[in-house]
C-alpha atoms as a PDB file:
ATOM      1  CA  UNK A   1      -0.174   0.008  -0.377  1.00  0.00           C
ATOM      2  CA  UNK A   2       0.503   3.839  -0.576  1.00  0.00           C
ATOM      3  CA  UNK A   3       0.885   6.030   2.321  1.00  0.00           C
ATOM      4  CA  UNK A   4      -1.234   5.831   5.321  1.00  0.00           C
ATOM      5  CA  UNK A   5      -4.624   7.867   4.493  1.00  0.00           C
ATOM      6  CA  UNK A   6      -4.985  10.858   7.106  1.00  0.00           C
ATOM      7  CA  UNK A   7      -8.188  10.625   9.244  1.00  0.00           C
ATOM      8  CA  UNK A   8     -10.440  13.882   8.135  1.00  0.00           C
ATOM      9  CA  UNK A   9     -13.378  15.323   8.321  1.00  0.00           C
ATOM     10  CA  UNK A  10     -15.786  15.948   5.348  1.00  0.00           C
ATOM     11  CA  UNK A  11     -14.839  19.231   5.607  1.00  0.00           C
ATOM     12  CA  UNK A  12     -11.012  18.596   5.490  1.00  0.00           C
ATOM     13  CA  UNK A  13     -11.508  16.665   2.789  1.00  0.00           C
ATOM     14  CA  UNK A  14     -13.631  19.306   0.221  1.00  0.00           C
ATOM     15  CA  UNK A  15     -10.517  22.033   1.769  1.00  0.00           C
ATOM     16  CA  UNK A  16      -8.024  19.598   0.596  1.00  0.00           C
ATOM     17  CA  UNK A  17      -9.648  19.377  -2.578  1.00  0.00           C
ATOM     18  CA  UNK A  18     -10.489  23.375  -2.922  1.00  0.00           C
ATOM     19  CA  UNK A  19      -6.657  23.770  -2.973  1.00  0.00           C
ATOM     20  CA  UNK A  20      -6.483  21.055  -6.124  1.00  0.00           C
ATOM     21  CA  UNK A  21      -8.752  22.885  -7.788  1.00  0.00           C
ATOM     22  CA  UNK A  22     -12.113  21.117  -6.993  1.00  0.00           C
ATOM     23  CA  UNK A  23     -14.961  23.756  -6.410  1.00  0.00           C
ATOM     24  CA  UNK A  24     -18.278  23.364  -4.131  1.00  0.00           C
ATOM     25  CA  UNK A  25     -20.847  24.093  -5.724  1.00  0.00           C
ATOM     26  CA  UNK A  26     -23.914  23.007  -3.589  1.00  0.00           C
ATOM     27  CA  UNK A  27     -24.484  20.720  -0.484  1.00  0.00           C
ATOM     28  CA  UNK A  28     -26.957  17.348  -0.846  1.00  0.00           C
ATOM     29  CA  UNK A  29     -28.235  16.615   2.242  1.00  0.00           C
ATOM     30  CA  UNK A  30     -24.737  15.626   4.198  1.00  0.00           C
ATOM     31  CA  UNK A  31     -23.309  15.766   1.298  1.00  0.00           C
ATOM     32  CA  UNK A  32     -21.048  18.072  -0.168  1.00  0.00           C
ATOM     33  CA  UNK A  33     -20.596  17.865  -4.285  1.00  0.00           C
ATOM     34  CA  UNK A  34     -17.303  19.126  -6.080  1.00  0.00           C
ATOM     35  CA  UNK A  35     -16.913  19.734  -9.461  1.00  0.00           C
ATOM     36  CA  UNK A  36     -13.803  20.899 -11.609  1.00  0.00           C
ATOM     37  CA  UNK A  37     -13.787  22.616 -15.170  1.00  0.00           C
ATOM     38  CA  UNK A  38     -11.534  20.022 -17.160  1.00  0.00           C
ATOM     39  CA  UNK A  39     -13.420  17.018 -15.118  1.00  0.00           C
ATOM     40  CA  UNK A  40     -16.391  15.433 -16.382  1.00  0.00           C
ATOM     41  CA  UNK A  41     -16.972  13.281 -12.510  1.00  0.00           C
ATOM     42  CA  UNK A  42     -18.312  15.201  -9.397  1.00  0.00           C
ATOM     43  CA  UNK A  43     -17.115  14.214  -5.443  1.00  0.00           C
ATOM     44  CA  UNK A  44     -20.025  14.067  -3.464  1.00  0.00           C
ATOM     45  CA  UNK A  45     -18.000  14.450  -0.008  1.00  0.00           C
ATOM     46  CA  UNK A  46     -19.926  13.027   3.177  1.00  0.00           C
ATOM     47  CA  UNK A  47     -20.320  15.994   5.355  1.00  0.00           C
ATOM     48  CA  UNK A  48     -19.377  13.724   8.535  1.00  0.00           C
ATOM     49  CA  UNK A  49     -17.097  14.144  11.657  1.00  0.00           C
ATOM     50  CA  UNK A  50     -14.608  11.539  10.048  1.00  0.00           C
ATOM     51  CA  UNK A  51     -14.504  10.107   6.423  1.00  0.00           C
ATOM     52  CA  UNK A  52     -14.569   6.357   6.180  1.00  0.00           C
ATOM     53  CA  UNK A  53     -11.079   5.265   5.067  1.00  0.00           C
ATOM     54  CA  UNK A  54     -12.660   3.120   1.982  1.00  0.00           C
ATOM     55  CA  UNK A  55     -14.373   6.663   1.078  1.00  0.00           C
ATOM     56  CA  UNK A  56     -11.630   8.717   1.187  1.00  0.00           C
ATOM     57  CA  UNK A  57      -9.644   6.433  -0.608  1.00  0.00           C
ATOM     58  CA  UNK A  58     -12.230   5.651  -3.711  1.00  0.00           C
ATOM     59  CA  UNK A  59     -12.724   9.782  -3.704  1.00  0.00           C
ATOM     60  CA  UNK A  60      -8.919  10.386  -4.450  1.00  0.00           C
ATOM     61  CA  UNK A  61      -9.075   7.658  -6.971  1.00  0.00           C
ATOM     62  CA  UNK A  62     -12.929   9.283  -8.300  1.00  0.00           C
ATOM     63  CA  UNK A  63     -10.266  12.600  -8.559  1.00  0.00           C
ATOM     64  CA  UNK A  64      -7.177  11.282 -10.105  1.00  0.00           C
ATOM     65  CA  UNK A  65      -5.221  11.737  -7.773  1.00  0.00           C
ATOM     66  CA  UNK A  66      -2.946   9.263  -6.074  1.00  0.00           C
ATOM     67  CA  UNK A  67      -3.218   8.507  -2.143  1.00  0.00           C
ATOM     68  CA  UNK A  68       0.626  10.427  -2.132  1.00  0.00           C
ATOM     69  CA  UNK A  69      -0.645  13.751  -4.186  1.00  0.00           C
ATOM     70  CA  UNK A  70      -3.340  14.229  -1.424  1.00  0.00           C
ATOM     71  CA  UNK A  71      -1.765  13.854   1.701  1.00  0.00           C
ATOM     72  CA  UNK A  72       0.728  16.200  -0.343  1.00  0.00           C
ATOM     73  CA  UNK A  73      -1.543  18.431  -1.149  1.00  0.00           C
ATOM     74  CA  UNK A  74      -2.916  18.177   2.897  1.00  0.00           C
END
């Protein structure tokens, strides 16, 4: 496995993705929806105190990043 995933809240995850050029466009229930101009995919980030590691790993993969790139942007 690559580097360890940090334990992060939904808001912290949103901040990291914002620093990587993603934009929070709306909130649907407890999920924050993020988009990026040149990306076809959207990210749905749960606004929880702690985002599950599997969920975070999936979001990072969907964004086309490696865990290392995500952790470095933190």
